[in-house]
C-alpha cells in the first residue's frame, strides 16, 4: 500500500459525495458533476460512476488548474 503521507503526489482520496462537494463550494450538484468530468478528462482525477471515492492522480497539477473546470 502506498504511503499516503509522502510526497505531494502520493495517493490521495476524496470521500465526499457530490452533494457535499457542492455545499462546500457553493455549486449545484449538477455543476459538480460537470466539473469533475472535465477534471477527470484532463487526467487529474479518476473515479468510477456510482462508486464513492475520487482518486486524485496529480495534486500539484490539480491545485494549479483552476481554469480546467471553467
PDB file of N, CA and C in Angstrom:
ATOM      1  N   UNK A   1       0.853  -1.187   0.000  1.00  0.00           N
ATOM      2  CA  UNK A   1       0.000   0.000   0.000  1.00  0.00           C
ATOM      3  C   UNK A   1       0.891   1.240   0.000  1.00  0.00           C
ATOM      4  N   UNK A   2       0.575   2.239  -0.832  1.00  0.00           N
ATOM      5  CA  UNK A   2       1.402   3.446  -0.889  1.00  0.00           C
ATOM      6  C   UNK A   2       1.332   4.238   0.405  1.00  0.00           C
ATOM      7  N   UNK A   3       2.392   4.943   0.688  1.00  0.00           N
ATOM      8  CA  UNK A   3       2.447   5.819   1.853  1.00  0.00           C
ATOM      9  C   UNK A   3       1.643   7.075   1.540  1.00  0.00           C
ATOM     10  N   UNK A   4       0.554   7.271   2.223  1.00  0.00           N
ATOM     11  CA  UNK A   4      -0.333   8.403   1.953  1.00  0.00           C
ATOM     12  C   UNK A   4       0.266   9.728   2.382  1.00  0.00           C
ATOM     13  N   UNK A   5       1.339   9.692   3.158  1.00  0.00           N
ATOM     14  CA  UNK A   5       1.916  10.931   3.677  1.00  0.00           C
ATOM     15  C   UNK A   5       3.113  11.418   2.892  1.00  0.00           C
ATOM     16  N   UNK A   6       3.675  10.625   2.021  1.00  0.00           N
ATOM     17  CA  UNK A   6       4.930  11.007   1.383  1.00  0.00           C
ATOM     18  C   UNK A   6       4.700  11.667   0.033  1.00  0.00           C
ATOM     19  N   UNK A   7       5.303  12.811  -0.167  1.00  0.00           N
ATOM     20  CA  UNK A   7       5.242  13.494  -1.458  1.00  0.00           C
ATOM     21  C   UNK A   7       3.903  14.136  -1.726  1.00  0.00           C
ATOM     22  N   UNK A   8       3.948  15.184  -2.506  1.00  0.00           N
ATOM     23  CA  UNK A   8       2.710  15.906  -2.772  1.00  0.00           C
ATOM     24  C   UNK A   8       1.803  15.157  -3.736  1.00  0.00           C
ATOM     25  N   UNK A   9       2.338  14.171  -4.462  1.00  0.00           N
ATOM     26  CA  UNK A   9       1.507  13.407  -5.382  1.00  0.00           C
ATOM     27  C   UNK A   9       1.269  11.985  -4.903  1.00  0.00           C
ATOM     28  N   UNK A  10       1.428  11.741  -3.610  1.00  0.00           N
ATOM     29  CA  UNK A  10       1.104  10.437  -3.058  1.00  0.00           C
ATOM     30  C   UNK A  10      -0.395  10.203  -3.221  1.00  0.00           C
ATOM     31  N   UNK A  11      -0.820   8.960  -3.154  1.00  0.00           N
ATOM     32  CA  UNK A  11      -2.225   8.620  -3.293  1.00  0.00           C
ATOM     33  C   UNK A  11      -3.071   9.476  -2.360  1.00  0.00           C
ATOM     34  N   UNK A  12      -4.096  10.090  -2.921  1.00  0.00           N
ATOM     35  CA  UNK A  12      -4.981  10.950  -2.142  1.00  0.00           C
ATOM     36  C   UNK A  12      -6.401  10.666  -2.592  1.00  0.00           C
ATOM     37  N   UNK A  13      -7.271  10.369  -1.652  1.00  0.00           N
ATOM     38  CA  UNK A  13      -8.659  10.058  -1.956  1.00  0.00           C
ATOM     39  C   UNK A  13      -9.580  11.109  -1.360  1.00  0.00           C
ATOM     40  N   UNK A  14     -10.605  11.460  -2.102  1.00  0.00           N
ATOM     41  CA  UNK A  14     -11.649  12.371  -1.630  1.00  0.00           C
ATOM     42  C   UNK A  14     -12.896  11.523  -1.435  1.00  0.00           C
ATOM     43  N   UNK A  15     -13.454  11.548  -0.232  1.00  0.00           N
ATOM     44  CA  UNK A  15     -14.593  10.686   0.087  1.00  0.00           C
ATOM     45  C   UNK A  15     -15.927  11.422   0.074  1.00  0.00           C
ATOM     46  N   UNK A  16     -15.906  12.746  -0.022  1.00  0.00           N
ATOM     47  CA  UNK A  16     -17.156  13.488  -0.036  1.00  0.00           C
ATOM     48  C   UNK A  16     -17.977  13.121  -1.272  1.00  0.00           C
ATOM     49  N   UNK A  17     -19.280  13.111  -1.087  1.00  0.00           N
ATOM     50  CA  UNK A  17     -20.174  12.874  -2.214  1.00  0.00           C
ATOM     51  C   UNK A  17     -20.406  14.193  -2.936  1.00  0.00           C
ATOM     52  N   UNK A  18     -20.969  14.107  -4.135  1.00  0.00           N
ATOM     53  CA  UNK A  18     -21.159  15.297  -4.961  1.00  0.00           C
ATOM     54  C   UNK A  18     -21.964  16.368  -4.239  1.00  0.00           C
ATOM     55  N   UNK A  19     -22.999  15.965  -3.512  1.00  0.00           N
ATOM     56  CA  UNK A  19     -23.801  16.935  -2.764  1.00  0.00           C
ATOM     57  C   UNK A  19     -22.947  17.669  -1.733  1.00  0.00           C
ATOM     58  N   UNK A  20     -22.097  16.928  -1.038  1.00  0.00           N
ATOM     59  CA  UNK A  20     -21.212  17.527  -0.042  1.00  0.00           C
ATOM     60  C   UNK A  20     -20.211  18.479  -0.697  1.00  0.00           C
ATOM     61  N   UNK A  21     -19.650  18.081  -1.826  1.00  0.00           N
ATOM     62  CA  UNK A  21     -18.723  18.958  -2.535  1.00  0.00           C
ATOM     63  C   UNK A  21     -19.432  20.224  -2.999  1.00  0.00           C
ATOM     64  N   UNK A  22     -20.666  20.079  -3.447  1.00  0.00           N
ATOM     65  CA  UNK A  22     -21.451  21.243  -3.855  1.00  0.00           C
ATOM     66  C   UNK A  22     -21.691  22.195  -2.704  1.00  0.00           C
ATOM     67  N   UNK A  23     -22.015  21.679  -1.548  1.00  0.00           N
ATOM     68  CA  UNK A  23     -22.236  22.525  -0.372  1.00  0.00           C
ATOM     69  C   UNK A  23     -20.959  23.250   0.034  1.00  0.00           C
ATOM     70  N   UNK A  24     -19.833  22.556  -0.044  1.00  0.00           N
ATOM     71  CA  UNK A  24     -18.556  23.159   0.349  1.00  0.00           C
ATOM     72  C   UNK A  24     -18.087  24.224  -0.625  1.00  0.00           C
ATOM     73  N   UNK A  25     -18.487  24.093  -1.906  1.00  0.00           N
ATOM     74  CA  UNK A  25     -18.013  25.016  -2.928  1.00  0.00           C
ATOM     75  C   UNK A  25     -19.070  26.011  -3.389  1.00  0.00           C
ATOM     76  N   UNK A  26     -20.301  25.835  -2.926  1.00  0.00           N
ATOM     77  CA  UNK A  26     -21.378  26.727  -3.335  1.00  0.00           C
ATOM     78  C   UNK A  26     -21.912  26.422  -4.728  1.00  0.00           C
ATOM     79  N   UNK A  27     -21.696  25.194  -5.199  1.00  0.00           N
ATOM     80  CA  UNK A  27     -22.145  24.793  -6.530  1.00  0.00           C
ATOM     81  C   UNK A  27     -23.318  23.831  -6.427  1.00  0.00           C
ATOM     82  N   UNK A  28     -24.120  23.783  -7.483  1.00  0.00           N
ATOM     83  CA  UNK A  28     -25.166  22.782  -7.570  1.00  0.00           C
ATOM     84  C   UNK A  28     -24.531  21.430  -7.862  1.00  0.00           C
ATOM     85  N   UNK A  29     -25.219  20.371  -7.481  1.00  0.00           N
ATOM     86  CA  UNK A  29     -24.703  19.023  -7.706  1.00  0.00           C
ATOM     87  C   UNK A  29     -24.410  18.793  -9.189  1.00  0.00           C
ATOM     88  N   UNK A  30     -25.274  19.286 -10.055  1.00  0.00           N
ATOM     89  CA  UNK A  30     -25.091  19.119 -11.498  1.00  0.00           C
ATOM     90  C   UNK A  30     -23.794  19.779 -11.971  1.00  0.00           C
ATOM     91  N   UNK A  31     -23.484  20.942 -11.397  1.00  0.00           N
ATOM     92  CA  UNK A  31     -22.236  21.629 -11.756  1.00  0.00           C
ATOM     93  C   UNK A  31     -21.025  20.847 -11.267  1.00  0.00           C
ATOM     94  N   UNK A  32     -21.114  20.294 -10.073  1.00  0.00           N
ATOM     95  CA  UNK A  32     -20.026  19.473  -9.536  1.00  0.00           C
ATOM     96  C   UNK A  32     -19.785  18.290 -10.471  1.00  0.00           C
ATOM     97  N   UNK A  33     -20.856  17.647 -10.901  1.00  0.00           N
ATOM     98  CA  UNK A  33     -20.747  16.509 -11.813  1.00  0.00           C
ATOM     99  C   UNK A  33     -20.039  16.914 -13.101  1.00  0.00           C
ATOM    100  N   UNK A  34     -20.437  18.033 -13.667  1.00  0.00           N
ATOM    101  CA  UNK A  34     -19.851  18.510 -14.924  1.00  0.00           C
ATOM    102  C   UNK A  34     -18.371  18.856 -14.739  1.00  0.00           C
ATOM    103  N   UNK A  35     -18.040  19.558 -13.666  1.00  0.00           N
ATOM    104  CA  UNK A  35     -16.650  19.957 -13.431  1.00  0.00           C
ATOM    105  C   UNK A  35     -15.764  18.755 -13.158  1.00  0.00           C
ATOM    106  N   UNK A  36     -16.255  17.793 -12.379  1.00  0.00           N
ATOM    107  CA  UNK A  36     -15.460  16.600 -12.101  1.00  0.00           C
ATOM    108  C   UNK A  36     -15.198  15.815 -13.380  1.00  0.00           C
ATOM    109  N   UNK A  37     -16.176  15.759 -14.278  1.00  0.00           N
ATOM    110  CA  UNK A  37     -15.971  15.062 -15.555  1.00  0.00           C
ATOM    111  C   UNK A  37     -14.861  15.737 -16.362  1.00  0.00           C
ATOM    112  N   UNK A  38     -14.834  17.059 -16.369  1.00  0.00           N
ATOM    113  CA  UNK A  38     -13.786  17.782 -17.102  1.00  0.00           C
ATOM    114  C   UNK A  38     -12.416  17.562 -16.484  1.00  0.00           C
ATOM    115  N   UNK A  39     -12.363  17.565 -15.163  1.00  0.00           N
ATOM    116  CA  UNK A  39     -11.089  17.355 -14.474  1.00  0.00           C
ATOM    117  C   UNK A  39     -10.604  15.920 -14.692  1.00  0.00           C
ATOM    118  N   UNK A  40     -11.538  14.978 -14.710  1.00  0.00           N
ATOM    119  CA  UNK A  40     -11.177  13.584 -15.000  1.00  0.00           C
ATOM    120  C   UNK A  40     -10.641  13.470 -16.419  1.00  0.00           C
ATOM    121  N   UNK A  41     -11.302  14.132 -17.352  1.00  0.00           N
ATOM    122  CA  UNK A  41     -10.865  14.112 -18.750  1.00  0.00           C
ATOM    123  C   UNK A  41      -9.453  14.676 -18.902  1.00  0.00           C
ATOM    124  N   UNK A  42      -9.103  15.641 -18.046  1.00  0.00           N
ATOM    125  CA  UNK A  42      -7.763  16.235 -18.079  1.00  0.00           C
ATOM    126  C   UNK A  42      -6.715  15.324 -17.429  1.00  0.00           C
ATOM    127  N   UNK A  43      -7.158  14.211 -16.822  1.00  0.00           N
ATOM    128  CA  UNK A  43      -6.236  13.248 -16.234  1.00  0.00           C
ATOM    129  C   UNK A  43      -5.755  13.591 -14.839  1.00  0.00           C
ATOM    130  N   UNK A  44      -6.482  14.496 -14.157  1.00  0.00           N
ATOM    131  CA  UNK A  44      -6.053  14.909 -12.822  1.00  0.00           C
ATOM    132  C   UNK A  44      -6.688  14.085 -11.711  1.00  0.00           C
ATOM    133  N   UNK A  45      -7.859  13.510 -11.994  1.00  0.00           N
ATOM    134  CA  UNK A  45      -8.552  12.668 -11.021  1.00  0.00           C
ATOM    135  C   UNK A  45      -9.088  11.445 -11.747  1.00  0.00           C
ATOM    136  N   UNK A  46      -9.538  10.469 -10.966  1.00  0.00           N
ATOM    137  CA  UNK A  46     -10.189   9.300 -11.538  1.00  0.00           C
ATOM    138  C   UNK A  46     -11.245   8.826 -10.554  1.00  0.00           C
ATOM    139  N   UNK A  47     -12.343   8.319 -11.080  1.00  0.00           N
ATOM    140  CA  UNK A  47     -13.406   7.767 -10.250  1.00  0.00           C
ATOM    141  C   UNK A  47     -14.266   6.863 -11.112  1.00  0.00           C
ATOM    142  N   UNK A  48     -14.989   5.992 -10.465  1.00  0.00           N
ATOM    143  CA  UNK A  48     -15.928   5.109 -11.136  1.00  0.00           C
ATOM    144  C   UNK A  48     -17.333   5.623 -10.864  1.00  0.00           C
ATOM    145  N   UNK A  49     -18.179   5.674 -11.877  1.00  0.00           N
ATOM    146  CA  UNK A  49     -19.560   6.123 -11.668  1.00  0.00           C
ATOM    147  C   UNK A  49     -20.266   5.281 -10.604  1.00  0.00           C
ATOM    148  N   UNK A  50     -21.044   5.930  -9.791  1.00  0.00           N
ATOM    149  CA  UNK A  50     -21.859   5.292  -8.754  1.00  0.00           C
ATOM    150  C   UNK A  50     -21.027   4.566  -7.706  1.00  0.00           C
ATOM    151  N   UNK A  51     -19.768   4.979  -7.560  1.00  0.00           N
ATOM    152  CA  UNK A  51     -18.880   4.419  -6.542  1.00  0.00           C
ATOM    153  C   UNK A  51     -18.274   5.576  -5.766  1.00  0.00           C
ATOM    154  N   UNK A  52     -18.257   5.459  -4.466  1.00  0.00           N
ATOM    155  CA  UNK A  52     -17.739   6.541  -3.640  1.00  0.00           C
ATOM    156  C   UNK A  52     -16.217   6.549  -3.672  1.00  0.00           C
ATOM    157  N   UNK A  53     -15.644   7.742  -3.723  1.00  0.00           N
ATOM    158  CA  UNK A  53     -14.200   7.900  -3.687  1.00  0.00           C
ATOM    159  C   UNK A  53     -13.650   8.442  -4.995  1.00  0.00           C
ATOM    160  N   UNK A  54     -13.001   9.583  -4.913  1.00  0.00           N
ATOM    161  CA  UNK A  54     -12.352  10.201  -6.063  1.00  0.00           C
ATOM    162  C   UNK A  54     -10.854  10.116  -5.818  1.00  0.00           C
ATOM    163  N   UNK A  55     -10.131   9.476  -6.730  1.00  0.00           N
ATOM    164  CA  UNK A  55      -8.683   9.358  -6.619  1.00  0.00           C
ATOM    165  C   UNK A  55      -8.039  10.570  -7.274  1.00  0.00           C
ATOM    166  N   UNK A  56      -7.274  11.302  -6.507  1.00  0.00           N
ATOM    167  CA  UNK A  56      -6.533  12.439  -7.056  1.00  0.00           C
ATOM    168  C   UNK A  56      -5.224  11.895  -7.601  1.00  0.00           C
ATOM    169  N   UNK A  57      -5.023  12.048  -8.901  1.00  0.00           N
ATOM    170  CA  UNK A  57      -3.854  11.471  -9.566  1.00  0.00           C
ATOM    171  C   UNK A  57      -2.653  12.403  -9.557  1.00  0.00           C
ATOM    172  N   UNK A  58      -2.900  13.705  -9.569  1.00  0.00           N
ATOM    173  CA  UNK A  58      -1.808  14.685  -9.586  1.00  0.00           C
ATOM    174  C   UNK A  58      -2.227  15.910  -8.793  1.00  0.00           C
ATOM    175  N   UNK A  59      -1.895  15.908  -7.507  1.00  0.00           N
ATOM    176  CA  UNK A  59      -2.316  17.001  -6.622  1.00  0.00           C
ATOM    177  C   UNK A  59      -1.731  18.340  -7.036  1.00  0.00           C
ATOM    178  N   UNK A  60      -0.471  18.350  -7.459  1.00  0.00           N
ATOM    179  CA  UNK A  60       0.160  19.612  -7.853  1.00  0.00           C
ATOM    180  C   UNK A  60      -0.545  20.226  -9.046  1.00  0.00           C
ATOM    181  N   UNK A  61      -0.793  19.421 -10.068  1.00  0.00           N
ATOM    182  CA  UNK A  61      -1.454  19.926 -11.269  1.00  0.00           C
ATOM    183  C   UNK A  61      -2.887  20.336 -10.956  1.00  0.00           C
ATOM    184  N   UNK A  62      -3.557  19.582 -10.114  1.00  0.00           N
ATOM    185  CA  UNK A  62      -4.936  19.916  -9.743  1.00  0.00           C
ATOM    186  C   UNK A  62      -4.996  21.252  -9.012  1.00  0.00           C
ATOM    187  N   UNK A  63      -4.042  21.473  -8.119  1.00  0.00           N
ATOM    188  CA  UNK A  63      -4.015  22.724  -7.354  1.00  0.00           C
ATOM    189  C   UNK A  63      -3.773  23.935  -8.252  1.00  0.00           C
ATOM    190  N   UNK A  64      -3.054  23.736  -9.336  1.00  0.00           N
ATOM    191  CA  UNK A  64      -2.754  24.873 -10.212  1.00  0.00           C
ATOM    192  C   UNK A  64      -3.646  24.929 -11.442  1.00  0.00           C
ATOM    193  N   UNK A  65      -4.675  24.096 -11.492  1.00  0.00           N
ATOM    194  CA  UNK A  65      -5.536  24.006 -12.665  1.00  0.00           C
ATOM    195  C   UNK A  65      -6.897  24.637 -12.439  1.00  0.00           C
ATOM    196  N   UNK A  66      -6.933  25.780 -11.836  1.00  0.00           N
ATOM    197  CA  UNK A  66      -8.203  26.422 -11.544  1.00  0.00           C
ATOM    198  C   UNK A  66      -9.083  26.645 -12.760  1.00  0.00           C
ATOM    199  N   UNK A  67      -8.497  26.786 -13.933  1.00  0.00           N
ATOM    200  CA  UNK A  67      -9.293  27.077 -15.123  1.00  0.00           C
ATOM    201  C   UNK A  67      -9.757  25.802 -15.834  1.00  0.00           C
ATOM    202  N   UNK A  68      -9.327  24.633 -15.401  1.00  0.00           N
ATOM    203  CA  UNK A  68      -9.706  23.381 -16.067  1.00  0.00           C
ATOM    204  C   UNK A  68     -11.215  23.199 -16.056  1.00  0.00           C
ATOM    205  N   UNK A  69     -11.840  23.521 -14.938  1.00  0.00           N
ATOM    206  CA  UNK A  69     -13.266  23.251 -14.791  1.00  0.00           C
ATOM    207  C   UNK A  69     -14.151  24.346 -15.374  1.00  0.00           C
ATOM    208  N   UNK A  70     -13.582  25.417 -15.821  1.00  0.00           N
ATOM    209  CA  UNK A  70     -14.412  26.530 -16.292  1.00  0.00           C
ATOM    210  C   UNK A  70     -14.772  26.394 -17.734  1.00  0.00           C
TER     211      UNK A  70
END
